[in-house]
Amino acid sequence: MLGVSSTRRAAVLALVICALALTVSVPLRNYVAQRQELAAVSKQQQALAAEVDELTRQRARLSDPAEVEAQARTRLGYVTPGEVPYVVQLPTGPDDDGSGADVGGEPWYRNLWRETLEGSR
């Protein structure tokens, strides 16, 4: 019998199966990686859309002059012409350095900056 032995046939068959497995594995790996990336990007897109909605609501709220005036009064202590502002000053303690810092230990402008940054989120 001049044919190919069964061992040789099995080796060729194993080689063909391995080649097919390697040929399929790379595109399959790429497909799975791209699906995971797509899911992450979709989640990020939803988060950004929610942030855009929040910022749009905030912009609409701040486009009202009454709201801007209320924010200026509460956060900056603004008064309109003709009003008499009163500032209640508490007595300073022995550990107060007189720097104009509030109870938290930070000056008013740092508090304003922090509130502005937190409000924009």
C-alpha atoms as a PDB file:
ATOM      1  CA  MET A   1       0.000   0.000   0.000  1.00  0.00           C
ATOM      2  CA  LEU A   2       1.555   3.236  -1.172  1.00  0.00           C
ATOM      3  CA  GLY A   3      -0.974   5.479   0.569  1.00  0.00           C
ATOM      4  CA  VAL A   4      -0.333   7.777   3.472  1.00  0.00           C
ATOM      5  CA  SER A   5      -0.267   6.091   6.835  1.00  0.00           C
ATOM      6  CA  SER A   6      -2.960   6.824   9.399  1.00  0.00           C
ATOM      7  CA  THR A   7      -0.415   8.505  11.689  1.00  0.00           C
ATOM      8  CA  ARG A   8       0.548  10.866   8.933  1.00  0.00           C
ATOM      9  CA  ARG A   9      -3.109  11.559   8.175  1.00  0.00           C
ATOM     10  CA  ALA A  10      -3.751  12.348  11.828  1.00  0.00           C
ATOM     11  CA  ALA A  11      -0.745  14.689  11.946  1.00  0.00           C
ATOM     12  CA  VAL A  12      -1.913  16.549   8.812  1.00  0.00           C
ATOM     13  CA  LEU A  13      -5.455  16.729  10.191  1.00  0.00           C
ATOM     14  CA  ALA A  14      -4.127  18.094  13.523  1.00  0.00           C
ATOM     15  CA  LEU A  15      -2.021  20.637  11.657  1.00  0.00           C
ATOM     16  CA  VAL A  16      -5.030  21.789   9.588  1.00  0.00           C
ATOM     17  CA  ILE A  17      -7.195  22.067  12.730  1.00  0.00           C
ATOM     18  CA  CYS A  18      -4.507  24.110  14.510  1.00  0.00           C
ATOM     19  CA  ALA A  19      -4.169  26.428  11.496  1.00  0.00           C
ATOM     20  CA  LEU A  20      -7.947  26.923  11.404  1.00  0.00           C
ATOM     21  CA  ALA A  21      -8.063  27.582  15.146  1.00  0.00           C
ATOM     22  CA  LEU A  22      -5.296  30.194  14.868  1.00  0.00           C
ATOM     23  CA  THR A  23      -6.993  31.767  11.854  1.00  0.00           C
ATOM     24  CA  VAL A  24     -10.276  32.123  13.739  1.00  0.00           C
ATOM     25  CA  SER A  25      -8.815  33.100  17.129  1.00  0.00           C
ATOM     26  CA  VAL A  26      -7.300  36.452  16.106  1.00  0.00           C
ATOM     27  CA  PRO A  27     -10.487  37.894  14.538  1.00  0.00           C
ATOM     28  CA  LEU A  28     -12.532  36.503  17.431  1.00  0.00           C
ATOM     29  CA  ARG A  29     -10.218  38.183  19.947  1.00  0.00           C
ATOM     30  CA  ASN A  30     -10.470  41.468  18.010  1.00  0.00           C
ATOM     31  CA  TYR A  31     -14.267  41.176  17.918  1.00  0.00           C
ATOM     32  CA  VAL A  32     -14.516  40.641  21.672  1.00  0.00           C
ATOM     33  CA  ALA A  33     -12.113  43.518  22.379  1.00  0.00           C
ATOM     34  CA  GLN A  34     -14.073  45.855  20.104  1.00  0.00           C
ATOM     35  CA  ARG A  35     -17.368  44.890  21.750  1.00  0.00           C
ATOM     36  CA  GLN A  36     -15.914  45.696  25.168  1.00  0.00           C
ATOM     37  CA  GLU A  37     -14.582  49.022  23.888  1.00  0.00           C
ATOM     38  CA  LEU A  38     -17.968  49.817  22.339  1.00  0.00           C
ATOM     39  CA  ALA A  39     -19.707  49.122  25.650  1.00  0.00           C
ATOM     40  CA  ALA A  40     -17.275  51.407  27.499  1.00  0.00           C
ATOM     41  CA  VAL A  41     -17.693  54.193  24.950  1.00  0.00           C
ATOM     42  CA  SER A  42     -21.490  53.854  25.105  1.00  0.00           C
ATOM     43  CA  LYS A  43     -21.407  54.170  28.885  1.00  0.00           C
ATOM     44  CA  GLN A  44     -19.142  57.224  28.617  1.00  0.00           C
ATOM     45  CA  GLN A  45     -21.476  58.741  26.020  1.00  0.00           C
ATOM     46  CA  GLN A  46     -24.459  58.293  28.354  1.00  0.00           C
ATOM     47  CA  ALA A  47     -22.563  59.952  31.205  1.00  0.00           C
ATOM     48  CA  LEU A  48     -21.602  62.877  28.965  1.00  0.00           C
ATOM     49  CA  ALA A  49     -25.188  63.237  27.738  1.00  0.00           C
ATOM     50  CA  ALA A  50     -26.380  63.397  31.360  1.00  0.00           C
ATOM     51  CA  GLU A  51     -23.744  66.043  32.107  1.00  0.00           C
ATOM     52  CA  VAL A  52     -24.821  68.062  29.053  1.00  0.00           C
ATOM     53  CA  ASP A  53     -28.437  67.905  30.241  1.00  0.00           C
ATOM     54  CA  GLU A  54     -27.423  69.110  33.705  1.00  0.00           C
ATOM     55  CA  LEU A  55     -25.355  71.951  32.274  1.00  0.00           C
ATOM     56  CA  THR A  56     -28.224  72.949  29.971  1.00  0.00           C
ATOM     57  CA  ARG A  57     -30.591  73.111  32.951  1.00  0.00           C
ATOM     58  CA  GLN A  58     -28.027  75.136  34.891  1.00  0.00           C
ATOM     59  CA  ARG A  59     -27.538  77.534  31.955  1.00  0.00           C
ATOM     60  CA  ALA A  60     -31.289  78.022  31.675  1.00  0.00           C
ATOM     61  CA  ARG A  61     -31.532  78.674  35.409  1.00  0.00           C
ATOM     62  CA  LEU A  62     -28.661  81.175  35.333  1.00  0.00           C
ATOM     63  CA  SER A  63     -30.064  83.019  32.318  1.00  0.00           C
ATOM     64  CA  ASP A  64     -32.756  84.405  34.621  1.00  0.00           C
ATOM     65  CA  PRO A  65     -31.570  87.792  35.993  1.00  0.00           C
ATOM     66  CA  ALA A  66     -33.409  87.188  39.268  1.00  0.00           C
ATOM     67  CA  GLU A  67     -31.420  83.993  39.839  1.00  0.00           C
ATOM     68  CA  VAL A  68     -28.142  85.765  39.085  1.00  0.00           C
ATOM     69  CA  GLU A  69     -29.074  88.520  41.519  1.00  0.00           C
ATOM     70  CA  ALA A  70     -29.994  85.980  44.198  1.00  0.00           C
ATOM     71  CA  GLN A  71     -26.674  84.167  43.716  1.00  0.00           C
ATOM     72  CA  ALA A  72     -24.749  87.449  43.903  1.00  0.00           C
ATOM     73  CA  ARG A  73     -26.550  88.371  47.123  1.00  0.00           C
ATOM     74  CA  THR A  74     -26.034  85.048  48.877  1.00  0.00           C
ATOM     75  CA  ARG A  75     -22.566  84.100  47.637  1.00  0.00           C
ATOM     76  CA  LEU A  76     -20.906  87.506  47.263  1.00  0.00           C
ATOM     77  CA  GLY A  77     -22.912  89.692  49.632  1.00  0.00           C
ATOM     78  CA  TYR A  78     -23.985  92.165  46.923  1.00  0.00           C
ATOM     79  CA  VAL A  79     -26.582  94.810  47.738  1.00  0.00           C
ATOM     80  CA  THR A  80     -28.572  97.071  45.440  1.00  0.00           C
ATOM     81  CA  PRO A  81     -28.140 100.844  45.548  1.00  0.00           C
ATOM     82  CA  GLY A  82     -30.117 102.333  48.397  1.00  0.00           C
ATOM     83  CA  GLU A  83     -29.918  99.232  50.608  1.00  0.00           C
ATOM     84  CA  VAL A  84     -27.941  99.348  53.802  1.00  0.00           C
ATOM     85  CA  PRO A  85     -25.836  96.230  54.270  1.00  0.00           C
ATOM     86  CA  TYR A  86     -25.229  94.923  57.748  1.00  0.00           C
ATOM     87  CA  VAL A  87     -22.376  92.584  58.518  1.00  0.00           C
ATOM     88  CA  VAL A  88     -22.446  90.799  61.815  1.00  0.00           C
ATOM     89  CA  GLN A  89     -18.936  90.250  63.090  1.00  0.00           C
ATOM     90  CA  LEU A  90     -18.455  87.706  65.783  1.00  0.00           C
ATOM     91  CA  PRO A  91     -15.820  88.382  68.417  1.00  0.00           C
ATOM     92  CA  THR A  92     -12.481  86.855  67.504  1.00  0.00           C
ATOM     93  CA  GLY A  93     -11.012  84.132  69.600  1.00  0.00           C
ATOM     94  CA  PRO A  94      -7.418  83.872  70.805  1.00  0.00           C
ATOM     95  CA  ASP A  95      -6.505  81.493  67.942  1.00  0.00           C
ATOM     96  CA  ASP A  96      -7.989  83.697  65.154  1.00  0.00           C
ATOM     97  CA  ASP A  97      -5.351  85.300  62.932  1.00  0.00           C
ATOM     98  CA  GLY A  98      -7.677  88.001  61.548  1.00  0.00           C
ATOM     99  CA  SER A  99      -7.125  86.953  57.914  1.00  0.00           C
ATOM    100  CA  GLY A 100     -10.789  87.182  56.974  1.00  0.00           C
ATOM    101  CA  ALA A 101     -11.151  83.428  56.815  1.00  0.00           C
ATOM    102  CA  ASP A 102     -14.466  81.832  57.649  1.00  0.00           C
ATOM    103  CA  VAL A 103     -15.114  79.067  60.153  1.00  0.00           C
ATOM    104  CA  GLY A 104     -13.602  76.471  57.781  1.00  0.00           C
ATOM    105  CA  GLY A 105     -10.295  78.330  57.788  1.00  0.00           C
ATOM    106  CA  GLU A 106     -10.374  79.406  54.136  1.00  0.00           C
ATOM    107  CA  PRO A 107     -10.779  82.937  52.757  1.00  0.00           C
ATOM    108  CA  TRP A 108     -14.088  83.820  51.088  1.00  0.00           C
ATOM    109  CA  TYR A 109     -12.653  83.754  47.572  1.00  0.00           C
ATOM    110  CA  ARG A 110     -11.468  80.155  47.926  1.00  0.00           C
ATOM    111  CA  ASN A 111     -14.923  79.150  49.132  1.00  0.00           C
ATOM    112  CA  LEU A 112     -16.448  80.951  46.146  1.00  0.00           C
ATOM    113  CA  TRP A 113     -14.065  79.200  43.744  1.00  0.00           C
ATOM    114  CA  ARG A 114     -14.803  75.793  45.289  1.00  0.00           C
ATOM    115  CA  GLU A 115     -18.581  76.408  45.110  1.00  0.00           C
ATOM    116  CA  THR A 116     -18.227  77.472  41.484  1.00  0.00           C
ATOM    117  CA  LEU A 117     -16.306  74.314  40.609  1.00  0.00           C
ATOM    118  CA  GLU A 118     -18.726  72.083  42.490  1.00  0.00           C
ATOM    119  CA  GLY A 119     -21.692  73.804  40.905  1.00  0.00           C
ATOM    120  CA  SER A 120     -20.343  73.148  37.425  1.00  0.00           C
ATOM    121  CA  ARG A 121     -20.183  69.397  37.949  1.00  0.00           C
END
